[in-house]
Amino acid sequence: MIVVAIIGLLAAIAIPNLVRARSTSQANACINNMHQIDGSVTEWALEKGKKTGDPAPSLTDDLTPYLKLNSSSSIPSCPAGGSYIIGTIGAIPQITCSLSTTVDPPHVLW
């Protein structure tokens, strides 16, 4: 019975830490994806002669040639299930995640 109690205690300590580590890694992956997409938007805007305030490009149509696609040949997505929203050219931030501050840690590109 003591062994079962010790295993339960260790599980009670380990599970919250695993959940927190998973959330942190998802936020970091999302932020890295936003950095990549932000760079591709800037490159697209420079190549197409766009200026600050112009409408955003299409993530799937316009930016695909400028992005490193994932293993399934698609645009990287938020690992926590959010979606990316591209603002106008030159906006700060130029790209946001739909989960931005609704999760902890936040998916915010600084």
C-alpha atoms as a PDB file:
ATOM      1  CA  MET A   1       0.000   0.000   0.000  1.00  0.00           C
ATOM      2  CA  ILE A   2       2.924   2.324   0.682  1.00  0.00           C
ATOM      3  CA  VAL A   3       4.264   1.709  -2.833  1.00  0.00           C
ATOM      4  CA  VAL A   4       0.880   2.649  -4.347  1.00  0.00           C
ATOM      5  CA  ALA A   5       0.804   5.831  -2.251  1.00  0.00           C
ATOM      6  CA  ILE A   6       4.311   6.801  -3.388  1.00  0.00           C
ATOM      7  CA  ILE A   7       3.412   6.179  -7.047  1.00  0.00           C
ATOM      8  CA  GLY A   8       0.273   8.308  -6.616  1.00  0.00           C
ATOM      9  CA  LEU A   9       2.298  11.105  -5.059  1.00  0.00           C
ATOM     10  CA  LEU A  10       4.845  11.031  -7.879  1.00  0.00           C
ATOM     11  CA  ALA A  11       2.051  11.077 -10.467  1.00  0.00           C
ATOM     12  CA  ALA A  12       0.420  14.040  -8.719  1.00  0.00           C
ATOM     13  CA  ILE A  13       3.700  15.928  -9.020  1.00  0.00           C
ATOM     14  CA  ALA A  14       4.600  14.869 -12.570  1.00  0.00           C
ATOM     15  CA  ILE A  15       1.293  15.306 -14.444  1.00  0.00           C
ATOM     16  CA  PRO A  16       0.883  19.097 -13.910  1.00  0.00           C
ATOM     17  CA  ASN A  17       4.512  19.616 -14.946  1.00  0.00           C
ATOM     18  CA  LEU A  18       3.962  17.624 -18.135  1.00  0.00           C
ATOM     19  CA  VAL A  19       0.852  19.649 -18.980  1.00  0.00           C
ATOM     20  CA  ARG A  20       2.725  22.916 -18.385  1.00  0.00           C
ATOM     21  CA  ALA A  21       5.672  21.756 -20.521  1.00  0.00           C
ATOM     22  CA  ARG A  22       3.297  20.799 -23.335  1.00  0.00           C
ATOM     23  CA  SER A  23       1.578  24.202 -23.246  1.00  0.00           C
ATOM     24  CA  THR A  24       4.904  26.012 -23.258  1.00  0.00           C
ATOM     25  CA  SER A  25       6.230  24.011 -26.201  1.00  0.00           C
ATOM     26  CA  GLN A  26       3.006  24.615 -28.160  1.00  0.00           C
ATOM     27  CA  ALA A  27       3.285  28.365 -27.540  1.00  0.00           C
ATOM     28  CA  ASN A  28       6.944  28.376 -28.617  1.00  0.00           C
ATOM     29  CA  ALA A  29       6.151  26.431 -31.796  1.00  0.00           C
ATOM     30  CA  CYS A  30       3.278  28.812 -32.583  1.00  0.00           C
ATOM     31  CA  ILE A  31       5.498  31.865 -32.077  1.00  0.00           C
ATOM     32  CA  ASN A  32       8.197  30.337 -34.293  1.00  0.00           C
ATOM     33  CA  ASN A  33       5.583  29.685 -36.999  1.00  0.00           C
ATOM     34  CA  MET A  34       4.412  33.298 -36.723  1.00  0.00           C
ATOM     35  CA  HIS A  35       8.016  34.507 -37.123  1.00  0.00           C
ATOM     36  CA  GLN A  36       8.343  32.423 -40.283  1.00  0.00           C
ATOM     37  CA  ILE A  37       5.019  33.670 -41.695  1.00  0.00           C
ATOM     38  CA  ASP A  38       5.858  37.275 -40.747  1.00  0.00           C
ATOM     39  CA  GLY A  39       9.121  37.039 -42.673  1.00  0.00           C
ATOM     40  CA  SER A  40       7.342  35.581 -45.686  1.00  0.00           C
ATOM     41  CA  VAL A  41       4.757  38.399 -45.626  1.00  0.00           C
ATOM     42  CA  THR A  42       7.560  40.963 -45.586  1.00  0.00           C
ATOM     43  CA  GLU A  43       9.381  39.212 -48.430  1.00  0.00           C
ATOM     44  CA  TRP A  44       6.139  38.955 -50.440  1.00  0.00           C
ATOM     45  CA  ALA A  45       5.400  42.655 -49.880  1.00  0.00           C
ATOM     46  CA  LEU A  46       8.880  43.700 -50.995  1.00  0.00           C
ATOM     47  CA  GLU A  47       8.736  41.526 -54.085  1.00  0.00           C
ATOM     48  CA  LYS A  48       5.252  42.698 -55.064  1.00  0.00           C
ATOM     49  CA  GLY A  49       5.924  46.388 -54.359  1.00  0.00           C
ATOM     50  CA  LYS A  50       3.370  46.674 -51.553  1.00  0.00           C
ATOM     51  CA  LYS A  51       3.525  49.454 -48.998  1.00  0.00           C
ATOM     52  CA  THR A  52       2.470  49.897 -45.391  1.00  0.00           C
ATOM     53  CA  GLY A  53      -1.292  49.681 -44.997  1.00  0.00           C
ATOM     54  CA  ASP A  54      -1.917  47.569 -48.102  1.00  0.00           C
ATOM     55  CA  PRO A  55      -4.208  44.549 -47.699  1.00  0.00           C
ATOM     56  CA  ALA A  56      -2.767  41.315 -46.426  1.00  0.00           C
ATOM     57  CA  PRO A  57      -1.795  38.500 -48.770  1.00  0.00           C
ATOM     58  CA  SER A  58      -3.585  35.167 -48.787  1.00  0.00           C
ATOM     59  CA  LEU A  59      -1.849  32.713 -46.498  1.00  0.00           C
ATOM     60  CA  THR A  60      -2.578  29.721 -48.703  1.00  0.00           C
ATOM     61  CA  ASP A  61      -2.257  31.248 -52.172  1.00  0.00           C
ATOM     62  CA  ASP A  62       0.226  34.117 -52.017  1.00  0.00           C
ATOM     63  CA  LEU A  63       2.616  33.000 -49.284  1.00  0.00           C
ATOM     64  CA  THR A  64       3.098  29.311 -50.087  1.00  0.00           C
ATOM     65  CA  PRO A  65       6.191  29.926 -52.263  1.00  0.00           C
ATOM     66  CA  TYR A  66       7.797  31.951 -49.463  1.00  0.00           C
ATOM     67  CA  LEU A  67       7.227  29.478 -46.618  1.00  0.00           C
ATOM     68  CA  LYS A  68       8.986  26.317 -45.617  1.00  0.00           C
ATOM     69  CA  LEU A  69       6.137  23.824 -45.750  1.00  0.00           C
ATOM     70  CA  ASN A  70       5.784  21.061 -43.173  1.00  0.00           C
ATOM     71  CA  SER A  71       6.181  17.331 -43.858  1.00  0.00           C
ATOM     72  CA  SER A  72       2.679  17.072 -45.347  1.00  0.00           C
ATOM     73  CA  SER A  73       3.444  19.938 -47.792  1.00  0.00           C
ATOM     74  CA  SER A  74       1.104  22.368 -46.071  1.00  0.00           C
ATOM     75  CA  ILE A  75       1.556  25.668 -44.271  1.00  0.00           C
ATOM     76  CA  PRO A  76       2.585  25.246 -40.611  1.00  0.00           C
ATOM     77  CA  SER A  77      -0.368  25.559 -38.261  1.00  0.00           C
ATOM     78  CA  CYS A  78      -0.689  26.417 -34.604  1.00  0.00           C
ATOM     79  CA  PRO A  79      -0.023  23.211 -32.642  1.00  0.00           C
ATOM     80  CA  ALA A  80      -2.665  24.188 -30.075  1.00  0.00           C
ATOM     81  CA  GLY A  81      -5.403  24.392 -32.720  1.00  0.00           C
ATOM     82  CA  GLY A  82      -5.432  28.132 -33.329  1.00  0.00           C
ATOM     83  CA  SER A  83      -5.427  29.811 -36.715  1.00  0.00           C
ATOM     84  CA  TYR A  84      -3.182  32.542 -38.040  1.00  0.00           C
ATOM     85  CA  ILE A  85      -4.578  35.940 -38.998  1.00  0.00           C
ATOM     86  CA  ILE A  86      -2.533  38.235 -41.219  1.00  0.00           C
ATOM     87  CA  GLY A  87      -3.095  41.956 -40.708  1.00  0.00           C
ATOM     88  CA  THR A  88      -2.299  44.729 -43.113  1.00  0.00           C
ATOM     89  CA  ILE A  89       1.210  45.099 -44.458  1.00  0.00           C
ATOM     90  CA  GLY A  90       3.486  46.796 -41.942  1.00  0.00           C
ATOM     91  CA  ALA A  91       1.101  46.417 -38.996  1.00  0.00           C
ATOM     92  CA  ILE A  92       2.648  45.563 -35.650  1.00  0.00           C
ATOM     93  CA  PRO A  93       2.160  42.713 -35.125  1.00  0.00           C
ATOM     94  CA  GLN A  94       1.648  41.749 -38.749  1.00  0.00           C
ATOM     95  CA  ILE A  95       0.411  38.265 -37.847  1.00  0.00           C
ATOM     96  CA  THR A  96      -1.525  36.999 -34.839  1.00  0.00           C
ATOM     97  CA  CYS A  97      -2.793  33.663 -33.575  1.00  0.00           C
ATOM     98  CA  SER A  98      -6.486  33.300 -32.817  1.00  0.00           C
ATOM     99  CA  LEU A  99      -5.527  31.901 -29.402  1.00  0.00           C
ATOM    100  CA  SER A 100      -3.187  34.851 -28.671  1.00  0.00           C
ATOM    101  CA  THR A 101      -3.969  35.713 -25.031  1.00  0.00           C
ATOM    102  CA  THR A 102      -6.751  33.198 -24.376  1.00  0.00           C
ATOM    103  CA  VAL A 103      -4.253  30.493 -23.382  1.00  0.00           C
ATOM    104  CA  ASP A 104      -1.375  30.381 -20.942  1.00  0.00           C
ATOM    105  CA  PRO A 105       1.373  30.954 -21.993  1.00  0.00           C
ATOM    106  CA  PRO A 106       0.097  33.395 -24.629  1.00  0.00           C
ATOM    107  CA  HIS A 107       0.681  32.871 -28.357  1.00  0.00           C
ATOM    108  CA  VAL A 108       1.827  36.421 -29.030  1.00  0.00           C
ATOM    109  CA  LEU A 109       4.495  37.593 -31.461  1.00  0.00           C
ATOM    110  CA  TRP A 110       6.292  40.474 -29.751  1.00  0.00           C
END
